[in-house]
């Protein structure tokens, strides 16, 4: 059993998941807009994403846009933690996510990891990027 983060966006889901898929080297990117639902479901005729995911190895990061007419504050109090194999990989990912976002803790050495940092990306997703302990690799 595992936990899979499910992110909610306000119209930026397709852009965010496409960016994350490229950044993390996803095996699969799925984007299902509301307008592709069967007509009998009565879903709005919009390009907003009803369901999406990326797969990286066996891990899924799932997401959708909020329904039209509802408001959401993307990932306001949740962070996605991503363990990286080495300092350089972490720095590359951290820098890419930070572009257009806000760094809340610079990427650097900490007592519990070779490097760790936190940020909120331009899509509103909070990230924690750090080198995994040796026994977790």
C-alpha atoms as a PDB file:
ATOM      1  CA  UNK A   1       0.000   0.000   0.000  1.00  0.00           C
ATOM      2  CA  UNK A   2       1.163   3.517  -0.741  1.00  0.00           C
ATOM      3  CA  UNK A   3      -0.026   7.125  -0.657  1.00  0.00           C
ATOM      4  CA  UNK A   4      -0.304   9.121  -3.891  1.00  0.00           C
ATOM      5  CA  UNK A   5      -0.454  12.910  -3.736  1.00  0.00           C
ATOM      6  CA  UNK A   6      -3.467  14.397  -5.541  1.00  0.00           C
ATOM      7  CA  UNK A   7      -3.015  18.054  -6.434  1.00  0.00           C
ATOM      8  CA  UNK A   8      -5.798  20.497  -7.265  1.00  0.00           C
ATOM      9  CA  UNK A   9      -5.275  23.452  -9.584  1.00  0.00           C
ATOM     10  CA  UNK A  10      -7.390  26.366 -10.760  1.00  0.00           C
ATOM     11  CA  UNK A  11      -6.979  25.996 -14.519  1.00  0.00           C
ATOM     12  CA  UNK A  12      -3.216  25.233 -14.635  1.00  0.00           C
ATOM     13  CA  UNK A  13      -3.340  21.445 -14.265  1.00  0.00           C
ATOM     14  CA  UNK A  14      -2.355  20.594 -17.863  1.00  0.00           C
ATOM     15  CA  UNK A  15       0.541  23.050 -17.824  1.00  0.00           C
ATOM     16  CA  UNK A  16       1.735  21.911 -14.380  1.00  0.00           C
ATOM     17  CA  UNK A  17       1.578  18.155 -15.080  1.00  0.00           C
ATOM     18  CA  UNK A  18       3.270  18.608 -18.466  1.00  0.00           C
ATOM     19  CA  UNK A  19       6.081  20.534 -16.763  1.00  0.00           C
ATOM     20  CA  UNK A  20       6.392  17.961 -13.957  1.00  0.00           C
ATOM     21  CA  UNK A  21       6.392  15.073 -16.476  1.00  0.00           C
ATOM     22  CA  UNK A  22       9.320  16.587 -18.356  1.00  0.00           C
ATOM     23  CA  UNK A  23      11.224  17.599 -15.212  1.00  0.00           C
ATOM     24  CA  UNK A  24      10.912  14.226 -13.483  1.00  0.00           C
ATOM     25  CA  UNK A  25      11.196  12.083 -16.638  1.00  0.00           C
ATOM     26  CA  UNK A  26       7.697  10.615 -16.361  1.00  0.00           C
ATOM     27  CA  UNK A  27       6.906   7.272 -17.994  1.00  0.00           C
ATOM     28  CA  UNK A  28       3.300   8.347 -18.580  1.00  0.00           C
ATOM     29  CA  UNK A  29       1.344  11.601 -18.713  1.00  0.00           C
ATOM     30  CA  UNK A  30      -2.456  11.383 -18.713  1.00  0.00           C
ATOM     31  CA  UNK A  31      -4.691  14.448 -19.085  1.00  0.00           C
ATOM     32  CA  UNK A  32      -8.477  14.009 -19.274  1.00  0.00           C
ATOM     33  CA  UNK A  33     -10.427  17.252 -19.795  1.00  0.00           C
ATOM     34  CA  UNK A  34     -13.990  17.601 -18.519  1.00  0.00           C
ATOM     35  CA  UNK A  35     -15.296  17.833 -22.101  1.00  0.00           C
ATOM     36  CA  UNK A  36     -14.113  14.256 -22.822  1.00  0.00           C
ATOM     37  CA  UNK A  37     -16.509  12.775 -20.255  1.00  0.00           C
ATOM     38  CA  UNK A  38     -19.530  10.939 -21.707  1.00  0.00           C
ATOM     39  CA  UNK A  39     -22.367  13.423 -22.422  1.00  0.00           C
ATOM     40  CA  UNK A  40     -24.739  11.620 -20.036  1.00  0.00           C
ATOM     41  CA  UNK A  41     -22.411  12.533 -17.153  1.00  0.00           C
ATOM     42  CA  UNK A  42     -23.351  16.201 -17.574  1.00  0.00           C
ATOM     43  CA  UNK A  43     -19.808  17.487 -17.164  1.00  0.00           C
ATOM     44  CA  UNK A  44     -19.032  21.048 -18.254  1.00  0.00           C
ATOM     45  CA  UNK A  45     -17.749  21.582 -21.801  1.00  0.00           C
ATOM     46  CA  UNK A  46     -14.357  22.930 -20.773  1.00  0.00           C
ATOM     47  CA  UNK A  47     -10.695  22.182 -21.385  1.00  0.00           C
ATOM     48  CA  UNK A  48     -10.031  22.177 -17.637  1.00  0.00           C
ATOM     49  CA  UNK A  49      -8.590  18.843 -16.487  1.00  0.00           C
ATOM     50  CA  UNK A  50     -11.031  16.500 -14.735  1.00  0.00           C
ATOM     51  CA  UNK A  51      -8.300  13.931 -14.052  1.00  0.00           C
ATOM     52  CA  UNK A  52      -4.581  13.753 -14.738  1.00  0.00           C
ATOM     53  CA  UNK A  53      -1.484  11.938 -13.578  1.00  0.00           C
ATOM     54  CA  UNK A  54       2.175  11.366 -14.230  1.00  0.00           C
ATOM     55  CA  UNK A  55       3.950   8.101 -13.504  1.00  0.00           C
ATOM     56  CA  UNK A  56       7.618   8.043 -12.534  1.00  0.00           C
ATOM     57  CA  UNK A  57       8.717   4.459 -12.050  1.00  0.00           C
ATOM     58  CA  UNK A  58       5.967   2.998  -9.898  1.00  0.00           C
ATOM     59  CA  UNK A  59       4.983   6.309  -8.285  1.00  0.00           C
ATOM     60  CA  UNK A  60       1.987   8.418  -9.305  1.00  0.00           C
ATOM     61  CA  UNK A  61       1.413  12.134  -8.918  1.00  0.00           C
ATOM     62  CA  UNK A  62      -2.258  12.790  -9.646  1.00  0.00           C
ATOM     63  CA  UNK A  63      -4.048  16.088 -10.209  1.00  0.00           C
ATOM     64  CA  UNK A  64      -7.070  17.915 -11.584  1.00  0.00           C
ATOM     65  CA  UNK A  65      -8.469  21.396 -11.971  1.00  0.00           C
ATOM     66  CA  UNK A  66     -11.281  22.460  -9.712  1.00  0.00           C
ATOM     67  CA  UNK A  67     -14.667  22.374 -11.409  1.00  0.00           C
ATOM     68  CA  UNK A  68     -15.579  25.520 -13.319  1.00  0.00           C
ATOM     69  CA  UNK A  69     -17.213  28.065 -11.043  1.00  0.00           C
ATOM     70  CA  UNK A  70     -15.564  26.771  -7.875  1.00  0.00           C
ATOM     71  CA  UNK A  71     -12.497  28.405  -6.435  1.00  0.00           C
ATOM     72  CA  UNK A  72      -9.486  26.675  -5.011  1.00  0.00           C
ATOM     73  CA  UNK A  73      -6.177  27.659  -3.494  1.00  0.00           C
ATOM     74  CA  UNK A  74      -3.764  25.067  -4.912  1.00  0.00           C
ATOM     75  CA  UNK A  75      -1.941  22.974  -2.327  1.00  0.00           C
ATOM     76  CA  UNK A  76      -2.223  25.699   0.310  1.00  0.00           C
ATOM     77  CA  UNK A  77      -1.059  23.600   3.243  1.00  0.00           C
ATOM     78  CA  UNK A  78       0.394  20.415   1.732  1.00  0.00           C
ATOM     79  CA  UNK A  79       3.871  19.749   0.324  1.00  0.00           C
ATOM     80  CA  UNK A  80       5.114  17.075  -2.046  1.00  0.00           C
ATOM     81  CA  UNK A  81       8.345  15.559  -0.721  1.00  0.00           C
ATOM     82  CA  UNK A  82      10.725  14.321  -3.418  1.00  0.00           C
ATOM     83  CA  UNK A  83      13.859  12.393  -2.439  1.00  0.00           C
ATOM     84  CA  UNK A  84      16.751  12.633  -4.907  1.00  0.00           C
ATOM     85  CA  UNK A  85      19.766  10.330  -5.260  1.00  0.00           C
ATOM     86  CA  UNK A  86      22.425  13.058  -5.084  1.00  0.00           C
ATOM     87  CA  UNK A  87      23.062  16.748  -4.478  1.00  0.00           C
ATOM     88  CA  UNK A  88      23.367  17.648  -8.167  1.00  0.00           C
ATOM     89  CA  UNK A  89      20.070  16.035  -9.188  1.00  0.00           C
ATOM     90  CA  UNK A  90      18.361  17.802  -6.310  1.00  0.00           C
ATOM     91  CA  UNK A  91      19.846  21.164  -7.253  1.00  0.00           C
ATOM     92  CA  UNK A  92      18.686  20.785 -10.869  1.00  0.00           C
ATOM     93  CA  UNK A  93      15.137  19.892  -9.819  1.00  0.00           C
ATOM     94  CA  UNK A  94      15.008  22.534  -7.078  1.00  0.00           C
ATOM     95  CA  UNK A  95      16.169  25.283  -9.459  1.00  0.00           C
ATOM     96  CA  UNK A  96      13.638  24.270 -12.139  1.00  0.00           C
ATOM     97  CA  UNK A  97      10.762  24.227  -9.654  1.00  0.00           C
ATOM     98  CA  UNK A  98      11.862  27.533  -8.092  1.00  0.00           C
ATOM     99  CA  UNK A  99      11.808  29.406 -11.420  1.00  0.00           C
ATOM    100  CA  UNK A 100       8.844  31.769 -11.150  1.00  0.00           C
ATOM    101  CA  UNK A 101       8.043  30.461  -7.664  1.00  0.00           C
ATOM    102  CA  UNK A 102       9.096  31.301  -4.119  1.00  0.00           C
ATOM    103  CA  UNK A 103      11.906  29.644  -2.152  1.00  0.00           C
ATOM    104  CA  UNK A 104      10.881  29.145   1.478  1.00  0.00           C
ATOM    105  CA  UNK A 105      14.079  27.346   2.540  1.00  0.00           C
ATOM    106  CA  UNK A 106      17.179  27.492   0.307  1.00  0.00           C
ATOM    107  CA  UNK A 107      18.578  24.203  -0.962  1.00  0.00           C
ATOM    108  CA  UNK A 108      21.613  23.301   1.125  1.00  0.00           C
ATOM    109  CA  UNK A 109      23.078  21.060   3.815  1.00  0.00           C
ATOM    110  CA  UNK A 110      20.992  20.363   6.910  1.00  0.00           C
ATOM    111  CA  UNK A 111      21.534  18.119   9.924  1.00  0.00           C
ATOM    112  CA  UNK A 112      19.213  15.381   8.590  1.00  0.00           C
ATOM    113  CA  UNK A 113      20.270  15.342   4.923  1.00  0.00           C
ATOM    114  CA  UNK A 114      23.220  16.155   2.682  1.00  0.00           C
ATOM    115  CA  UNK A 115      20.961  18.787   1.121  1.00  0.00           C
ATOM    116  CA  UNK A 116      17.342  19.835   1.498  1.00  0.00           C
ATOM    117  CA  UNK A 117      15.200  22.789   0.451  1.00  0.00           C
ATOM    118  CA  UNK A 118      11.587  23.920   0.268  1.00  0.00           C
ATOM    119  CA  UNK A 119       9.725  26.073  -2.216  1.00  0.00           C
ATOM    120  CA  UNK A 120       6.349  26.925  -3.690  1.00  0.00           C
ATOM    121  CA  UNK A 121       6.425  26.617  -7.492  1.00  0.00           C
ATOM    122  CA  UNK A 122       4.710  28.926  -9.991  1.00  0.00           C
ATOM    123  CA  UNK A 123       1.641  26.650 -10.002  1.00  0.00           C
ATOM    124  CA  UNK A 124       1.162  26.909  -6.227  1.00  0.00           C
ATOM    125  CA  UNK A 125       2.558  23.476  -5.330  1.00  0.00           C
ATOM    126  CA  UNK A 126       4.783  23.286  -2.253  1.00  0.00           C
ATOM    127  CA  UNK A 127       7.835  21.054  -2.677  1.00  0.00           C
ATOM    128  CA  UNK A 128      10.454  19.601  -0.334  1.00  0.00           C
ATOM    129  CA  UNK A 129      13.524  18.386  -2.229  1.00  0.00           C
ATOM    130  CA  UNK A 130      16.286  16.502  -0.427  1.00  0.00           C
ATOM    131  CA  UNK A 131      18.897  13.808  -0.743  1.00  0.00           C
ATOM    132  CA  UNK A 132      17.483  10.561   0.593  1.00  0.00           C
ATOM    133  CA  UNK A 133      19.354   8.822   3.417  1.00  0.00           C
ATOM    134  CA  UNK A 134      21.648   6.080   2.056  1.00  0.00           C
ATOM    135  CA  UNK A 135      19.485   3.297   3.490  1.00  0.00           C
ATOM    136  CA  UNK A 136      16.468   4.512   1.463  1.00  0.00           C
ATOM    137  CA  UNK A 137      18.193   4.442  -1.934  1.00  0.00           C
END
